[in-house]
Amino acid sequence: MARSEDPFDTYLLRVLSTLIQEKSVSRAAIRLNQSQPAISAALRRLRAIFNDPLLVRDKNRMVPTARALQAVEQARAALVLIDGLLTSSHAFDAETTQQRFTIAAPDYLAPPFMARVVQHMRSQAPGARLAVLPLGHNFDYEQALQNSEVDIVIGNWPSPPEHLHISTLIEDEVVCVMDASHPLAAPEQLTAQRYLQAAHIVFTPYSPDQRGVVESSLGTMRLSRDGRVQCSAFSQAPDLLMGTDLLLTTSRHFAAYHAKRLPLVLRPLPVGNRSMCFYQLWHSSRHRDASHIWLRGLLSQASQALTELA
């Protein structure tokens, strides 16, 4: 194919990937440090190339088409290869590396995720070392990324810092969890009004400048819930539901994991945003590092464990 006949360049691939991830022209423009007209023009070019709308409006949100979801996986794979070509000449061999990798992660991801990370690392890089740090209220994760004290931070904040690179690990449904004997456990009993009137387990925010997904969603509607029990450890929360009238609002994969070991019931969230994203964040100084690209790919592979739970 002649150069003039080649419809793609890396810019369009990055726009496609970011648009499908953000489902918004304005948010994609912010992420890519471009103007909205520039992203809109790129979307028009992509639509012409694929002969498909790629993003369509459904009520108040943009939804990717089936063709877009198929194309974006190939686009992301291509970008990983391109980024690898642009890395420094320093070679990285997972099988022989002795490198230490550090991940800062919360405990609101079900245990099978980190178990899969360790399995992949022991299989692919047996000489590597892994440190997993807990996120906490006083942990400055942005500074830790900037200083290379941490390679990756995993989060699900509604508004991640715009200056950091981001990649989605899983997009999940938000559900309510309760004891199986809870009065609202029966089908069709959990209405929006009853949800807001109920007593809830709420979590201490990991970041002082970020509200949680649920509070942010309710806040946009000028609503609030009754947080009767505050918990700093997500992993303890399911056990606190037992024998009580409390509700827990969390991701489906987390709830499904704990419902396998406890008599809990999952119900759809009756009010607010019904989805949340879990993603990995990293600093631009490590973006083209070969070992870091490998680590990001490993985490993406491990996220399949969460998809299987959900």
Protein backbone atom coordinates (compact mmCIF):
# COMPACT_ATOMS: atom_id res chain seq x y z
CA MET A 1 0.00 0.00 0.00
CA ALA A 2 1.32 3.42 -0.90
CA ARG A 3 1.92 5.86 1.95
CA SER A 4 -0.82 8.17 0.64
CA GLU A 5 -3.29 5.24 0.65
CA ASP A 6 -2.61 4.28 4.27
CA PRO A 7 -5.60 5.59 6.26
CA PHE A 8 -4.03 5.20 9.71
CA ASP A 9 -1.42 6.93 11.82
CA THR A 10 -0.65 6.60 15.52
CA TYR A 11 -2.64 9.74 16.30
CA LEU A 12 -5.86 8.24 14.97
CA LEU A 13 -5.19 5.00 16.82
CA ARG A 14 -4.74 6.90 20.09
CA VAL A 15 -7.87 8.95 19.46
CA LEU A 16 -9.86 5.77 18.77
CA SER A 17 -8.58 4.09 21.93
CA THR A 18 -9.22 7.14 24.11
CA LEU A 19 -12.67 7.84 22.68
CA ILE A 20 -13.86 4.30 23.33
CA GLN A 21 -12.43 4.39 26.83
CA GLU A 22 -13.82 7.79 27.76
CA LYS A 23 -17.06 7.60 25.70
CA SER A 24 -16.86 11.38 25.42
CA VAL A 25 -15.28 13.77 22.93
CA SER A 26 -14.64 16.39 25.60
CA ARG A 27 -12.97 13.97 28.03
CA ALA A 28 -10.91 12.43 25.22
CA ALA A 29 -9.75 15.92 24.23
CA ILE A 30 -8.60 16.60 27.79
CA ARG A 31 -6.80 13.26 28.04
CA LEU A 32 -4.98 13.80 24.74
CA ASN A 33 -4.33 17.51 25.35
CA GLN A 34 -6.23 18.38 22.16
CA SER A 35 -9.09 20.72 21.35
CA GLN A 36 -12.61 19.33 21.08
CA PRO A 37 -12.87 20.33 17.39
CA ALA A 38 -9.66 18.40 16.69
CA ILE A 39 -11.03 15.24 18.36
CA SER A 40 -14.37 15.68 16.59
CA ALA A 41 -12.54 15.92 13.26
CA ALA A 42 -10.56 12.78 14.07
CA LEU A 43 -13.79 10.97 14.96
CA ARG A 44 -15.26 11.93 11.60
CA ARG A 45 -12.18 10.51 9.86
CA LEU A 46 -12.43 7.30 11.89
CA ARG A 47 -16.10 6.94 11.06
CA ALA A 48 -15.32 7.31 7.38
CA ILE A 49 -12.46 4.77 7.56
CA PHE A 50 -14.59 2.16 9.35
CA ASN A 51 -17.86 3.10 7.66
CA ASP A 52 -19.40 2.89 11.12
CA PRO A 53 -20.57 5.51 13.66
CA LEU A 54 -18.29 3.95 16.32
CA LEU A 55 -20.00 5.95 19.10
CA VAL A 56 -23.77 6.41 19.26
CA ARG A 57 -25.88 8.34 21.74
CA ASP A 58 -28.05 6.34 24.15
CA LYS A 59 -30.07 8.67 26.38
CA ASN A 60 -27.45 10.85 28.11
CA ARG A 61 -24.34 8.87 27.26
CA MET A 62 -22.27 7.70 24.31
CA VAL A 63 -22.09 3.97 23.68
CA PRO A 64 -19.49 2.18 21.48
CA THR A 65 -20.80 0.11 18.59
CA ALA A 66 -19.87 -3.55 18.18
CA ARG A 67 -17.43 -2.55 15.41
CA ALA A 68 -15.78 -0.02 17.72
CA LEU A 69 -15.28 -2.57 20.50
CA GLN A 70 -13.72 -4.97 18.02
CA ALA A 71 -11.45 -2.34 16.50
CA VAL A 72 -10.26 -0.81 19.76
CA GLU A 73 -8.72 -4.07 20.99
CA GLN A 74 -6.63 -4.28 17.82
CA ALA A 75 -5.77 -0.57 18.06
CA ARG A 76 -4.53 -0.95 21.63
CA ALA A 77 -2.45 -3.98 20.70
CA ALA A 78 -0.91 -2.00 17.84
CA LEU A 79 -0.12 0.92 20.14
CA VAL A 80 1.65 -1.38 22.59
CA LEU A 81 3.85 -2.62 19.74
CA ILE A 82 4.50 0.92 18.52
CA ASP A 83 5.39 2.10 22.02
CA GLY A 84 7.77 -0.83 22.25
CA LEU A 85 9.51 0.25 19.04
CA LEU A 86 10.01 3.72 20.49
CA THR A 87 11.54 2.58 23.77
CA SER A 88 15.22 3.00 24.50
CA SER A 89 17.66 0.43 23.16
CA HIS A 90 17.94 -1.07 26.66
CA ALA A 91 16.57 -4.57 26.24
CA PHE A 92 14.14 -6.15 28.67
CA ASP A 93 13.87 -9.89 29.00
CA ALA A 94 11.16 -11.00 31.40
CA GLU A 95 12.61 -14.51 31.71
CA THR A 96 15.96 -13.27 33.02
CA THR A 97 15.14 -9.96 34.70
CA GLN A 98 15.92 -9.43 38.39
CA GLN A 99 13.96 -6.17 38.48
CA ARG A 100 11.74 -5.15 41.39
CA PHE A 101 8.25 -3.91 40.53
CA THR A 102 6.09 -1.92 42.94
CA ILE A 103 2.32 -1.60 42.70
CA ALA A 104 0.13 0.52 44.97
CA ALA A 105 -3.27 -1.12 45.10
CA PRO A 106 -6.46 -0.90 47.16
CA ASP A 107 -8.26 -3.89 48.63
CA TYR A 108 -11.48 -3.19 46.72
CA LEU A 109 -10.32 -5.53 43.95
CA ALA A 110 -11.25 -9.13 44.71
CA PRO A 111 -8.27 -11.33 45.74
CA PRO A 112 -8.25 -13.40 42.50
CA PHE A 113 -6.85 -10.34 40.67
CA MET A 114 -3.62 -10.11 42.65
CA ALA A 115 -3.40 -13.90 42.74
CA ARG A 116 -3.45 -13.89 38.92
CA VAL A 117 -0.80 -11.12 38.87
CA VAL A 118 1.52 -13.25 41.01
CA GLN A 119 0.85 -16.36 38.90
CA HIS A 120 1.72 -14.52 35.67
CA MET A 121 4.82 -12.96 37.20
CA ARG A 122 6.15 -16.24 38.57
CA SER A 123 5.51 -17.88 35.20
CA GLN A 124 6.87 -15.12 32.94
CA ALA A 125 9.51 -13.49 35.15
CA PRO A 126 10.64 -15.94 37.86
CA GLY A 127 13.60 -13.74 38.84
CA ALA A 128 11.54 -10.57 39.30
CA ARG A 129 10.45 -9.21 42.67
CA LEU A 130 7.05 -7.74 43.41
CA ALA A 131 6.04 -5.31 46.16
CA VAL A 132 2.36 -4.46 46.69
CA LEU A 133 1.79 -1.34 48.78
CA PRO A 134 -1.58 -0.45 50.32
CA LEU A 135 -3.25 2.80 49.40
CA GLY A 136 -4.04 4.97 52.39
CA HIS A 137 -5.39 8.40 53.25
CA ASN A 138 -1.87 9.76 53.81
CA PHE A 139 -0.24 8.05 50.82
CA ASP A 140 0.66 10.59 48.13
CA TYR A 141 0.41 8.30 45.13
CA GLU A 142 1.06 11.08 42.59
CA GLN A 143 4.36 11.95 44.26
CA ALA A 144 5.25 8.27 44.55
CA LEU A 145 4.71 7.81 40.81
CA GLN A 146 6.69 10.94 39.97
CA ASN A 147 9.62 9.82 42.15
CA SER A 148 9.50 6.28 40.70
CA GLU A 149 8.86 4.88 44.17
CA VAL A 150 5.83 3.15 42.64
CA ASP A 151 5.48 1.80 39.11
CA ILE A 152 1.69 1.51 38.93
CA VAL A 153 -1.22 2.79 41.01
CA ILE A 154 -4.55 1.00 40.70
CA GLY A 155 -7.68 3.06 41.35
CA ASN A 156 -11.31 3.68 40.50
CA TRP A 157 -11.71 7.36 41.35
CA PRO A 158 -14.33 9.20 39.28
CA SER A 159 -11.80 11.86 38.22
CA PRO A 160 -8.26 10.49 37.92
CA PRO A 161 -5.44 13.06 37.56
CA GLU A 162 -5.30 14.24 33.95
CA HIS A 163 -1.49 14.43 33.80
CA LEU A 164 -1.07 10.69 34.42
CA HIS A 165 -1.37 7.95 31.84
CA ILE A 166 -4.32 5.63 32.32
CA SER A 167 -5.49 2.26 31.09
CA THR A 168 -8.76 0.55 32.03
CA LEU A 169 -8.49 -2.84 33.72
CA ILE A 170 -12.21 -3.56 34.01
CA GLU A 171 -15.52 -1.72 33.73
CA ASP A 172 -17.98 -3.21 36.19
CA GLU A 173 -21.56 -2.87 37.38
CA VAL A 174 -22.31 -1.23 40.73
CA VAL A 175 -24.52 -3.41 42.94
CA CYS A 176 -25.95 -3.45 46.46
CA VAL A 177 -25.01 -6.30 48.78
CA MET A 178 -26.85 -7.34 51.93
CA ASP A 179 -27.43 -10.23 54.30
CA ALA A 180 -29.70 -12.86 52.75
CA SER A 181 -32.23 -12.27 55.55
CA HIS A 182 -32.36 -8.50 54.96
CA PRO A 183 -35.93 -7.18 54.41
CA LEU A 184 -34.79 -5.61 51.12
CA ALA A 185 -33.20 -8.84 49.82
CA ALA A 186 -36.40 -10.01 48.14
CA PRO A 187 -36.72 -9.15 44.44
CA GLU A 188 -38.14 -5.70 43.63
CA GLN A 189 -37.92 -4.54 47.27
CA LEU A 190 -34.87 -2.27 46.90
CA THR A 191 -36.32 0.96 45.55
CA ALA A 192 -34.46 4.27 45.30
CA GLN A 193 -36.32 5.65 48.31
CA ARG A 194 -35.61 2.61 50.46
CA TYR A 195 -31.97 2.65 49.40
CA LEU A 196 -31.53 6.26 50.52
CA GLN A 197 -33.35 5.63 53.81
CA ALA A 198 -31.37 2.48 54.66
CA ALA A 199 -28.27 2.28 56.85
CA HIS A 200 -25.05 1.82 54.84
CA ILE A 201 -21.47 0.71 55.23
CA VAL A 202 -19.28 3.44 53.68
CA PHE A 203 -15.56 3.50 53.08
CA THR A 204 -12.89 5.92 54.21
CA PRO A 205 -11.59 7.57 51.00
CA TYR A 206 -8.11 6.47 49.93
CA SER A 207 -7.41 9.91 48.57
CA PRO A 208 -8.31 13.11 50.48
CA ASP A 209 -9.03 14.99 47.23
CA GLN A 210 -11.29 12.33 45.72
CA ARG A 211 -14.87 11.45 46.64
CA GLY A 212 -15.94 7.87 46.14
CA VAL A 213 -17.84 6.71 43.08
CA VAL A 214 -21.15 6.38 44.94
CA GLU A 215 -20.92 9.71 46.79
CA SER A 216 -19.92 11.51 43.59
CA SER A 217 -22.86 10.02 41.70
CA LEU A 218 -25.39 10.82 44.41
CA GLY A 219 -23.90 14.30 44.87
CA THR A 220 -24.64 15.22 41.26
CA MET A 221 -28.31 14.54 42.03
CA ARG A 222 -28.16 16.39 45.37
CA LEU A 223 -28.81 13.14 47.20
CA SER A 224 -26.99 11.43 50.05
CA ARG A 225 -27.15 8.11 51.86
CA ASP A 226 -27.04 7.27 55.56
CA GLY A 227 -23.49 6.07 56.29
CA ARG A 228 -23.85 4.41 59.69
CA VAL A 229 -20.67 2.30 59.64
CA GLN A 230 -17.40 3.63 58.24
CA CYS A 231 -14.81 1.07 57.24
CA SER A 232 -11.22 1.64 56.13
CA ALA A 233 -10.72 -1.91 54.82
CA PHE A 234 -12.92 -2.97 51.93
CA SER A 235 -12.13 -6.64 52.53
CA GLN A 236 -13.78 -6.49 55.99
CA ALA A 237 -17.03 -4.91 54.80
CA PRO A 238 -18.83 -8.05 53.53
CA ASP A 239 -18.45 -9.74 56.92
CA LEU A 240 -19.93 -6.68 58.63
CA LEU A 241 -23.17 -7.21 56.73
CA MET A 242 -23.90 -10.50 58.45
CA GLY A 243 -26.95 -10.39 60.72
CA THR A 244 -27.50 -6.65 60.21
CA ASP A 245 -29.79 -4.28 58.30
CA LEU A 246 -26.80 -2.65 56.56
CA LEU A 247 -26.30 -2.23 52.81
CA LEU A 248 -22.97 -2.26 50.99
CA THR A 249 -22.60 -0.65 47.56
CA THR A 250 -19.68 -2.00 45.57
CA SER A 251 -18.62 -3.57 42.27
CA ARG A 252 -20.24 -6.77 41.05
CA HIS A 253 -16.97 -8.71 40.85
CA PHE A 254 -16.09 -7.87 44.48
CA ALA A 255 -19.59 -8.70 45.68
CA ALA A 256 -19.77 -11.94 43.68
CA TYR A 257 -16.47 -13.16 45.16
CA HIS A 258 -17.63 -12.63 48.74
CA ALA A 259 -21.14 -13.97 48.05
CA LYS A 260 -19.51 -17.33 47.29
CA ARG A 261 -18.31 -17.65 50.89
CA LEU A 262 -21.06 -15.76 52.77
CA PRO A 263 -24.89 -15.84 52.64
CA LEU A 264 -25.19 -12.54 50.83
CA VAL A 265 -27.63 -11.26 48.19
CA LEU A 266 -26.75 -8.95 45.29
CA ARG A 267 -29.30 -6.48 43.97
CA PRO A 268 -29.07 -3.82 41.20
CA LEU A 269 -28.32 -0.30 42.40
CA PRO A 270 -31.68 1.55 42.23
CA VAL A 271 -30.30 5.09 42.00
CA GLY A 272 -27.21 6.86 40.65
CA ASN A 273 -24.43 5.74 38.35
CA ARG A 274 -24.61 1.99 37.81
CA SER A 275 -21.09 1.42 36.50
CA MET A 276 -17.53 2.06 37.62
CA CYS A 277 -14.09 1.68 36.05
CA PHE A 278 -10.97 0.22 37.61
CA TYR A 279 -7.76 1.38 35.95
CA GLN A 280 -3.99 1.54 36.23
CA LEU A 281 -2.17 4.87 36.42
CA TRP A 282 1.48 5.60 35.63
CA HIS A 283 3.81 8.55 35.15
CA SER A 284 4.93 9.76 31.72
CA SER A 285 8.59 9.13 32.66
CA ARG A 286 7.91 5.37 32.52
CA HIS A 287 5.52 5.38 29.57
CA ARG A 288 7.99 4.05 26.99
CA ASP A 289 10.10 1.90 29.32
CA ALA A 290 10.10 -1.69 28.02
CA SER A 291 9.84 -3.28 31.46
CA HIS A 292 6.96 -0.99 32.37
CA ILE A 293 5.09 -1.80 29.15
CA TRP A 294 5.48 -5.48 30.06
CA LEU A 295 4.15 -4.85 33.60
CA ARG A 296 1.11 -2.96 32.29
CA GLY A 297 0.37 -5.81 29.92
CA LEU A 298 0.66 -8.31 32.76
CA LEU A 299 -1.86 -6.37 34.86
CA SER A 300 -4.23 -6.16 31.91
CA GLN A 301 -3.98 -9.93 31.47
CA ALA A 302 -4.67 -10.48 35.18
CA SER A 303 -7.79 -8.32 35.03
CA GLN A 304 -9.45 -11.17 33.16
CA ALA A 305 -9.84 -12.81 36.59
CA LEU A 306 -12.18 -9.98 37.57
CA THR A 307 -14.19 -10.29 34.37
CA GLU A 308 -14.71 -13.98 35.13
CA LEU A 309 -16.06 -13.12 38.59
CA ALA A 310 -18.43 -10.43 37.32
